[in-house]
Protein backbone atom coordinates (compact mmCIF):
# COMPACT_ATOMS: atom_id res chain seq x y z
CA ILE A 1 -1.31 -0.81 -7.99
CA SER A 2 -3.50 -1.57 -11.00
CA GLU A 3 -6.69 -0.47 -9.23
CA LEU A 4 -5.07 2.83 -8.26
CA GLY A 5 -4.05 3.55 -11.85
CA LEU A 6 -0.33 3.44 -11.09
CA GLU A 7 0.73 0.86 -13.68
CA SER A 8 2.45 3.50 -15.82
CA GLU A 9 4.40 4.64 -12.72
CA VAL A 10 5.87 1.22 -11.92
CA LEU A 11 9.63 0.81 -12.30
CA PRO A 12 10.23 -2.94 -12.52
CA VAL A 13 13.51 -4.77 -12.05
CA PRO A 14 13.12 -7.89 -14.27
CA GLY A 15 15.00 -11.13 -13.88
CA ASP A 16 17.64 -10.30 -16.50
CA HIS A 17 18.53 -6.95 -14.92
CA PRO A 18 21.97 -6.68 -13.24
CA ALA A 19 20.24 -5.81 -9.96
CA SER A 20 18.42 -9.16 -10.16
CA ARG A 21 21.31 -11.28 -11.40
CA HIS A 22 24.15 -9.90 -9.30
CA ARG A 23 23.99 -9.94 -5.51
CA PHE A 24 27.00 -9.93 -3.25
CA LEU A 25 28.24 -10.84 0.20
CA TYR A 26 30.98 -8.94 1.97
CA SER A 27 32.98 -11.56 3.81
CA SER A 28 36.62 -11.90 4.88
CA GLY A 29 37.24 -8.32 3.81
CA ALA A 30 36.10 -8.74 0.21
CA LEU A 31 33.00 -8.67 -1.99
CA HIS A 32 31.87 -12.04 -3.35
CA LYS A 33 29.20 -12.52 -5.99
CA LEU A 34 26.57 -15.03 -4.97
CA PRO A 35 26.41 -18.01 -7.35
CA SER A 36 23.68 -17.60 -9.97
CA GLY A 37 24.50 -20.37 -12.45
CA LEU A 38 25.54 -24.00 -12.68
CA GLY A 39 29.19 -23.06 -12.22
CA GLY A 40 28.51 -22.12 -8.62
CA LEU A 41 26.98 -25.52 -7.98
CA PHE A 42 29.89 -27.64 -9.17
CA ARG A 43 32.93 -25.71 -7.95
CA PRO A 44 33.74 -23.83 -4.76
CA VAL A 45 32.85 -20.15 -5.05
CA PRO A 46 34.08 -17.83 -2.28
CA PRO A 47 33.07 -17.21 0.43
CA PHE A 48 32.04 -20.87 0.43
CA SER A 49 34.78 -23.47 0.80
CA ARG A 50 32.86 -26.25 -0.96
CA ALA A 51 30.68 -26.43 -4.05
CA LEU A 52 27.06 -25.74 -3.17
CA LEU A 53 26.11 -29.01 -4.87
CA TRP A 54 27.09 -30.75 -1.64
CA SER A 55 24.66 -28.60 0.34
CA GLY A 56 21.91 -29.53 -2.12
CA LEU A 57 22.72 -33.23 -1.82
CA ARG A 58 22.68 -32.94 1.96
CA ASP A 59 19.14 -31.54 1.79
CA LEU A 60 17.98 -34.30 -0.55
CA LEU A 61 19.31 -37.02 1.76
CA ALA A 62 18.65 -35.59 5.23
CA PRO A 63 15.60 -36.81 7.16
CA ALA A 64 12.72 -34.41 7.72
CA GLY A 65 12.61 -32.46 10.94
CA LYS A 66 9.96 -33.29 13.52
CA ASP A 67 9.96 -30.20 15.74
CA PRO A 68 6.96 -27.88 15.34
CA ASP A 69 9.35 -24.95 15.01
CA GLU A 70 13.08 -24.20 15.06
CA SER A 71 15.35 -21.26 14.48
CA VAL A 72 16.17 -20.31 10.92
CA HIS A 73 19.85 -21.01 11.62
CA ALA A 74 19.20 -24.48 13.07
CA PHE A 75 16.94 -25.34 10.13
CA ALA A 76 19.50 -24.20 7.54
CA ARG A 77 22.37 -25.96 9.32
CA ARG A 78 20.41 -29.21 9.49
CA ARG A 79 19.31 -29.05 5.83
CA PHE A 80 22.29 -27.40 4.10
CA GLY A 81 25.26 -27.40 6.46
CA GLN A 82 27.09 -25.09 8.86
CA GLU A 83 28.68 -22.80 6.28
CA VAL A 84 25.46 -22.03 4.43
CA ALA A 85 23.76 -21.28 7.75
CA ASP A 86 26.59 -19.12 9.12
CA ILE A 87 27.18 -17.05 5.98
CA ALA A 88 24.29 -17.12 3.49
CA VAL A 89 21.29 -17.56 5.78
CA ASP A 90 22.72 -15.32 8.48
CA SER A 91 23.12 -12.55 5.88
CA LEU A 92 19.67 -13.17 4.38
CA CYS A 93 17.94 -12.73 7.74
CA ARG A 94 19.90 -9.54 8.36
CA GLY A 95 18.80 -8.23 4.97
CA VAL A 96 15.10 -9.13 5.26
CA PHE A 97 14.40 -8.82 8.99
CA ALA A 98 17.48 -6.97 10.28
CA GLY A 99 17.40 -9.91 12.67
CA ASP A 100 19.45 -12.72 14.15
CA CYS A 101 18.77 -16.02 12.40
CA ARG A 102 19.57 -17.83 15.65
CA GLN A 103 16.51 -16.22 17.24
CA LEU A 104 14.09 -16.04 14.29
CA SER A 105 11.53 -18.78 13.59
CA VAL A 106 11.77 -20.62 10.28
CA ARG A 107 8.09 -21.54 10.45
CA SER A 108 7.03 -17.90 10.66
CA CYS A 109 9.79 -16.12 8.72
CA PHE A 110 10.13 -18.58 5.85
CA PRO A 111 6.94 -20.65 5.84
CA ALA A 112 7.51 -21.81 2.25
CA LEU A 113 10.76 -23.53 3.27
CA PHE A 114 9.27 -25.00 6.45
CA HIS A 115 6.26 -26.49 4.66
CA ALA A 116 8.31 -27.66 1.67
CA GLU A 117 10.29 -29.89 4.01
CA ARG A 118 7.13 -31.12 5.72
CA ARG A 119 5.51 -32.01 2.38
CA ARG A 120 8.42 -33.68 0.59
CA ARG A 121 11.05 -34.33 3.30
CA SER A 122 13.43 -32.12 1.26
CA VAL A 123 13.28 -28.34 0.96
CA LEU A 124 14.53 -28.39 -2.63
CA LEU A 125 12.06 -31.10 -3.69
CA GLY A 126 9.21 -29.37 -1.90
CA LEU A 127 9.93 -26.07 -3.63
CA ALA A 128 10.42 -27.70 -7.03
CA LEU A 129 7.19 -29.72 -6.87
CA GLY A 130 5.15 -26.94 -5.31
CA ALA A 131 2.21 -27.09 -2.95
CA GLY A 132 -0.29 -28.28 -5.54
CA GLN A 133 -2.42 -25.17 -5.10
CA GLU A 134 -3.98 -23.40 -8.04
CA ARG A 135 -3.01 -19.80 -8.58
CA GLY A 136 -5.91 -17.45 -7.93
CA ALA A 137 -7.09 -14.69 -10.20
CA GLU A 138 -4.40 -12.13 -10.87
CA SER A 139 -4.20 -8.77 -12.59
CA GLY A 140 -2.35 -8.12 -15.80
CA LEU A 141 0.39 -6.40 -13.82
CA SER A 142 0.93 -9.33 -11.47
CA TRP A 143 0.99 -11.71 -14.45
CA ARG A 144 3.62 -9.51 -16.09
CA ALA A 145 5.67 -9.40 -12.88
CA ARG A 146 5.67 -13.20 -12.71
CA ALA A 147 6.42 -13.62 -16.42
CA GLU A 148 9.32 -11.16 -16.30
CA ARG A 149 10.53 -12.50 -12.92
CA TRP A 150 10.61 -9.13 -11.20
CA SER A 151 12.94 -9.19 -8.22
CA GLN A 152 11.75 -5.81 -6.97
CA TRP A 153 9.84 -2.75 -8.08
CA SER A 154 9.40 0.89 -7.21
CA LEU A 155 7.37 3.87 -8.42
CA ARG A 156 8.66 6.64 -10.65
CA ARG A 157 8.14 9.36 -8.02
CA GLY A 158 9.04 7.12 -5.08
CA MET A 159 6.98 4.87 -2.83
CA GLU A 160 5.22 7.85 -1.26
CA THR A 161 3.16 7.80 -4.45
CA LEU A 162 1.34 4.73 -3.13
CA PRO A 163 -0.29 6.29 -0.02
CA GLU A 164 -0.93 9.50 -1.97
CA ALA A 165 -2.78 7.51 -4.66
CA LEU A 166 -4.72 5.61 -2.00
CA ALA A 167 -5.90 8.87 -0.44
CA ALA A 168 -6.84 10.31 -3.85
CA PHE A 169 -8.78 7.14 -4.65
CA LEU A 170 -10.66 6.96 -1.34
CA ARG A 171 -11.71 10.54 -0.66
CA PRO A 172 -14.10 10.90 -3.66
CA ARG A 173 -15.71 7.61 -2.60
CA GLY A 174 -16.89 8.94 0.75
CA VAL A 175 -14.02 7.63 2.89
CA GLU A 176 -13.04 9.97 5.72
CA LEU A 177 -9.31 10.14 6.35
CA ARG A 178 -8.16 11.41 9.75
CA CYS A 179 -4.43 11.95 9.27
CA HIS A 180 -1.97 12.78 12.06
CA ALA A 181 -4.62 11.90 14.63
CA PRO A 182 -3.12 9.46 17.18
CA LEU A 183 -5.45 6.82 18.60
CA HIS A 184 -5.71 7.26 22.37
CA SER A 185 -8.12 4.44 23.24
CA LEU A 186 -10.33 1.73 21.79
CA ARG A 187 -13.47 0.92 23.80
CA ARG A 188 -16.62 -1.12 23.13
CA HIS A 189 -20.16 0.19 23.56
CA HIS A 190 -22.84 -1.98 25.16
CA ASP A 191 -24.20 -2.60 21.63
CA GLY A 192 -20.87 -4.16 20.59
CA ARG A 193 -19.64 -1.30 18.47
CA TRP A 194 -16.22 0.33 18.93
CA GLN A 195 -15.54 3.86 20.08
CA LEU A 196 -12.17 5.17 18.93
CA THR A 197 -10.90 8.18 20.85
CA LEU A 198 -8.56 10.30 18.76
CA ALA A 199 -6.68 13.47 19.54
CA ASP A 200 -9.32 15.49 17.71
CA GLY A 201 -12.55 13.65 18.56
CA THR A 202 -14.18 10.22 18.50
CA VAL A 203 -15.25 7.75 15.84
CA THR A 204 -17.78 4.91 16.19
CA ALA A 205 -17.25 1.75 14.14
CA ASP A 206 -18.92 -1.64 13.70
CA HIS A 207 -15.57 -3.27 12.88
CA VAL A 208 -11.96 -2.12 13.26
CA ILE A 209 -9.13 -3.20 10.97
CA SER A 210 -5.90 -2.31 12.77
CA ALA A 211 -2.64 -1.86 10.89
CA LEU A 212 -0.96 -0.40 13.98
CA PRO A 213 2.25 -2.05 15.17
CA ALA A 214 1.36 -4.73 17.70
CA ALA A 215 2.82 -2.89 20.69
CA ALA A 216 0.97 0.33 19.81
CA LEU A 217 -2.35 -1.51 19.52
CA ALA A 218 -1.75 -3.20 22.90
CA GLU A 219 -1.62 0.19 24.63
CA VAL A 220 -5.08 1.32 23.46
CA LEU A 221 -7.10 -1.88 23.93
CA PRO A 222 -9.79 -2.04 26.62
CA ALA A 223 -9.15 -3.83 29.91
CA GLU A 224 -11.25 -6.84 28.90
CA ALA A 225 -8.83 -7.45 26.02
CA GLU A 226 -5.78 -7.63 28.28
CA PRO A 227 -4.96 -11.25 27.25
CA LEU A 228 -4.73 -10.01 23.65
CA ALA A 229 -2.66 -7.00 24.71
CA GLN A 230 -0.18 -9.26 26.49
CA GLU A 231 0.34 -11.34 23.35
CA LEU A 232 0.83 -8.21 21.25
CA ARG A 233 3.42 -6.78 23.66
CA HIS A 234 5.48 -9.94 23.30
CA ILE A 235 6.10 -9.47 19.57
CA PRO A 236 9.59 -7.91 19.60
CA THR A 237 10.93 -5.35 17.14
CA VAL A 238 14.32 -3.93 16.17
CA ALA A 239 15.55 -0.48 15.19
CA VAL A 240 17.42 0.23 11.95
CA ALA A 241 19.44 3.28 11.00
CA VAL A 242 18.88 4.02 7.31
CA VAL A 243 21.65 6.18 5.86
CA ASN A 244 21.26 7.43 2.28
CA LEU A 245 24.48 8.53 0.60
CA GLN A 246 24.89 10.16 -2.82
CA TYR A 247 28.35 10.36 -4.38
CA GLU A 248 29.38 12.28 -7.48
CA GLY A 249 32.23 11.38 -9.81
CA VAL A 250 32.69 7.84 -8.50
CA THR A 251 32.16 4.34 -9.87
CA LEU A 252 31.10 1.26 -7.96
CA PRO A 253 33.57 -1.64 -8.08
CA VAL A 254 30.69 -4.02 -8.93
CA THR A 255 27.24 -3.73 -10.48
CA GLY A 256 24.25 -5.37 -8.84
CA PHE A 257 21.51 -5.08 -6.25
CA GLY A 258 23.88 -4.59 -3.36
CA HIS A 259 25.64 -6.63 -0.72
CA LEU A 260 24.86 -8.09 2.67
CA VAL A 261 27.28 -8.50 5.55
CA PRO A 262 27.19 -11.61 7.76
CA SER A 263 27.16 -10.92 11.48
CA SER A 264 30.51 -12.68 11.88
CA GLU A 265 32.11 -10.01 9.64
CA ASP A 266 30.61 -6.84 11.14
CA ASP A 267 27.39 -7.05 13.10
CA SER A 268 26.81 -3.26 13.09
CA VAL A 269 26.47 -3.04 9.26
CA LEU A 270 23.60 -5.10 7.84
CA GLY A 271 24.32 -4.34 4.19
CA ILE A 272 24.44 -1.73 1.45
CA VAL A 273 21.89 -1.36 -1.39
CA TYR A 274 23.17 0.09 -4.68
CA ASP A 275 20.07 2.19 -5.38
CA SER A 276 21.43 3.75 -8.57
CA VAL A 277 21.78 0.36 -10.25
CA ALA A 278 18.17 -0.72 -9.79
CA PHE A 279 16.55 2.69 -10.07
CA PRO A 280 18.70 5.25 -11.93
CA GLN A 281 15.47 7.16 -12.57
CA HIS A 282 15.66 8.36 -8.96
CA ASP A 283 19.18 9.82 -9.27
CA GLY A 284 17.82 13.28 -10.07
CA ALA A 285 19.18 16.01 -12.30
CA GLY A 286 22.78 17.11 -12.28
CA PRO A 287 26.06 15.23 -12.72
CA ALA A 288 26.14 11.43 -12.79
CA SER A 289 25.97 10.05 -9.29
CA VAL A 290 25.92 6.87 -7.25
CA ARG A 291 23.22 6.47 -4.59
CA LEU A 292 23.59 3.99 -1.75
CA THR A 293 21.46 3.00 1.22
CA VAL A 294 23.48 1.74 4.18
CA MET A 295 21.51 -0.25 6.77
CA LEU A 296 22.87 -0.25 10.31
CA GLY A 297 21.96 -1.90 13.60
CA GLY A 298 18.91 -4.13 13.60
CA ALA A 299 19.12 -6.77 16.31
CA TRP A 300 22.63 -5.45 17.10
CA PHE A 301 21.70 -1.74 17.30
CA THR A 302 21.99 -1.25 21.06
CA ARG A 303 25.26 -3.13 21.28
CA ALA A 304 26.79 -1.15 18.40
CA PHE A 305 25.28 2.31 18.85
CA GLY A 306 23.45 2.46 22.18
CA ASP A 307 19.87 3.58 22.72
CA PRO A 308 18.18 4.04 19.30
CA ALA A 309 16.31 7.08 20.62
CA ALA A 310 19.58 8.79 21.53
CA ALA A 311 21.93 7.66 18.75
CA ALA A 312 23.71 10.68 17.26
CA PRO A 313 23.14 11.11 13.51
CA ALA A 314 26.77 12.22 13.07
CA MET A 315 28.00 8.92 14.56
CA LEU A 316 25.72 6.89 12.28
CA LEU A 317 26.77 8.90 9.22
CA GLN A 318 30.42 8.35 10.09
CA ARG A 319 29.87 4.60 10.40
CA ALA A 320 27.98 4.45 7.09
CA GLN A 321 30.70 6.39 5.27
CA ALA A 322 33.32 4.09 6.78
CA ALA A 323 31.39 1.06 5.49
CA ALA A 324 31.19 2.56 1.98
CA ARG A 325 34.91 3.30 2.11
CA GLU A 326 36.00 -0.07 3.49
CA GLN A 327 33.60 -2.29 1.54
CA LEU A 328 33.22 -0.37 -1.76
CA GLY A 329 36.37 1.75 -1.91
CA LEU A 330 34.46 5.06 -1.93
CA ALA A 331 36.97 7.31 -0.17
CA ALA A 332 35.44 10.66 -1.14
CA ALA A 333 32.85 12.35 1.06
CA PRO A 334 29.28 12.03 -0.21
CA ALA A 335 27.72 15.07 -1.87
CA ARG A 336 24.45 14.45 0.00
CA SER A 337 23.39 12.34 2.95
CA ILE A 338 20.26 11.60 4.96
CA VAL A 339 20.28 9.79 8.32
CA ARG A 340 17.13 8.35 9.84
CA VAL A 341 16.75 6.00 12.80
CA GLN A 342 13.63 3.92 12.29
CA GLN A 343 12.77 2.84 15.82
CA ALA A 344 10.94 -0.46 16.44
CA CYS A 345 10.47 -0.68 12.68
CA ILE A 346 10.78 -4.40 11.86
CA PRO A 347 8.89 -7.03 13.88
CA GLN A 348 10.89 -10.12 14.81
CA TYR A 349 9.10 -13.44 14.36
CA THR A 350 11.01 -15.34 16.99
CA LEU A 351 10.55 -18.98 18.00
CA GLY A 352 6.94 -19.68 18.89
CA HIS A 353 5.52 -16.75 16.89
CA TRP A 354 3.11 -19.11 15.14
CA GLN A 355 1.71 -20.13 18.53
CA GLN A 356 1.25 -16.47 19.45
CA MET A 357 -0.73 -16.00 16.23
CA GLU A 358 -2.91 -18.99 17.04
CA ARG A 359 -3.63 -17.69 20.54
CA ILE A 360 -4.47 -14.24 19.14
CA SER A 361 -6.83 -15.71 16.54
CA ARG A 362 -8.47 -17.93 19.16
CA PHE A 363 -9.04 -14.99 21.52
CA LEU A 364 -10.59 -12.85 18.77
CA ALA A 365 -12.91 -15.72 17.78
CA GLU A 366 -13.91 -16.72 21.32
CA GLN A 367 -14.60 -13.13 22.37
CA ARG A 368 -16.24 -12.37 19.01
CA LEU A 369 -14.30 -9.16 18.81
CA PRO A 370 -15.02 -7.21 15.60
CA LEU A 371 -11.30 -6.60 15.14
CA SER A 372 -8.96 -7.60 12.29
CA LEU A 373 -5.18 -7.39 12.62
CA VAL A 374 -3.13 -6.58 9.52
CA GLY A 375 0.32 -5.19 8.86
CA ALA A 376 3.91 -6.25 9.43
CA SER A 377 3.56 -7.51 13.02
CA TYR A 378 1.88 -10.79 12.13
CA ALA A 379 2.47 -12.60 8.84
CA GLY A 380 5.11 -10.89 6.72
CA VAL A 381 7.12 -7.67 6.87
CA SER A 382 7.29 -6.61 3.21
CA VAL A 383 5.00 -4.12 1.45
CA ASN A 384 3.60 -7.01 -0.60
CA ASP A 385 2.92 -9.02 2.59
CA CYS A 386 1.10 -6.09 4.20
CA ILE A 387 -1.08 -5.57 1.12
CA ALA A 388 -1.87 -9.30 1.04
CA SER A 389 -2.82 -9.38 4.74
CA ALA A 390 -5.15 -6.41 4.28
CA LYS A 391 -6.84 -7.96 1.26
CA ALA A 392 -7.29 -11.23 3.17
CA ALA A 393 -8.86 -9.40 6.14
CA VAL A 394 -11.31 -7.55 3.92
CA GLY A 395 -12.12 -10.79 2.11
CA GLN A 396 -13.01 -12.49 5.38
CA LEU A 397 -15.07 -9.50 6.47
CA LEU A 398 -17.07 -9.41 3.25
CA GLY A 399 -17.37 -13.18 3.00
């Protein structure tokens, strides 16, 4: 962001902002604020039946796990108890991965928690004492984000500003951008270089850095890379319906980031983000409004709505409006709405994902393939994770 000259465009959400301090769960037909202070540790706070202090004590006293991997749900149940796993962790995985915590790998989805337990026997102790690694060089913006405890950030004109700024930065520096040109095949010349066949021609490259989704890359690899293609095809994904709603003349019953919905409450609705609270700058001109993003489906999409490719937008809009009505009391029809089904949009790091990554890395090294894999399919699904994976790949390439 700093290198692209976008610092003045950043809209931060610091730690003292309501969208950072107030997050909710919708459980048993009601909204519940997640504990954020000592009070939530020492007394029961709905939807939890016991004070969370007991879950912390359980973690401090429980023996360390010995399995090389386990599901996020099993890990949380073992460390913090059944209720935390069923409600809090279930909802968290639905919010981050749109996935089922009973299928997701703790080692791959939450490596900090997995390694904290391995280092200190306790997750809480491991996180509190840290990994003992020095922080690398960081920009002024990243230092500010850490100092102000940003929980999230956006850009004044929306996140599309980021790829636009990348293109504007690269073109004057001699980088050729071939946009809207699908990759049909990836083949190697006898001299070891790659030939990329696009819809509008070919490109020859010494090294390829692929940010394609794993399954898409698998379909264009050469026959000699079939073992790699098989591994890539076995990284599952889920579809999410993203429904944006804008209401006029209404007030939210609570102020905060938004709320998540545990699968035991309603598996079709993952959660609702209160966009206007974090980023009122995006509300636009006109009368005061409330903007929401309703997330539907995920690992439960097919069961709830059928084939993602055939799901009717009207049905998804109706379900999103019903969720806003039932969970937030917004009975009026929205003034504006947008419905998009993002197919195969979030990779699922299921049990054994770390072993898949090891096999992929071993194949690339043994075959000496000049190919780097970056993006959400491998080591983190967030924008920050994808940027970090790309920087790491370039760092290895440049030495």
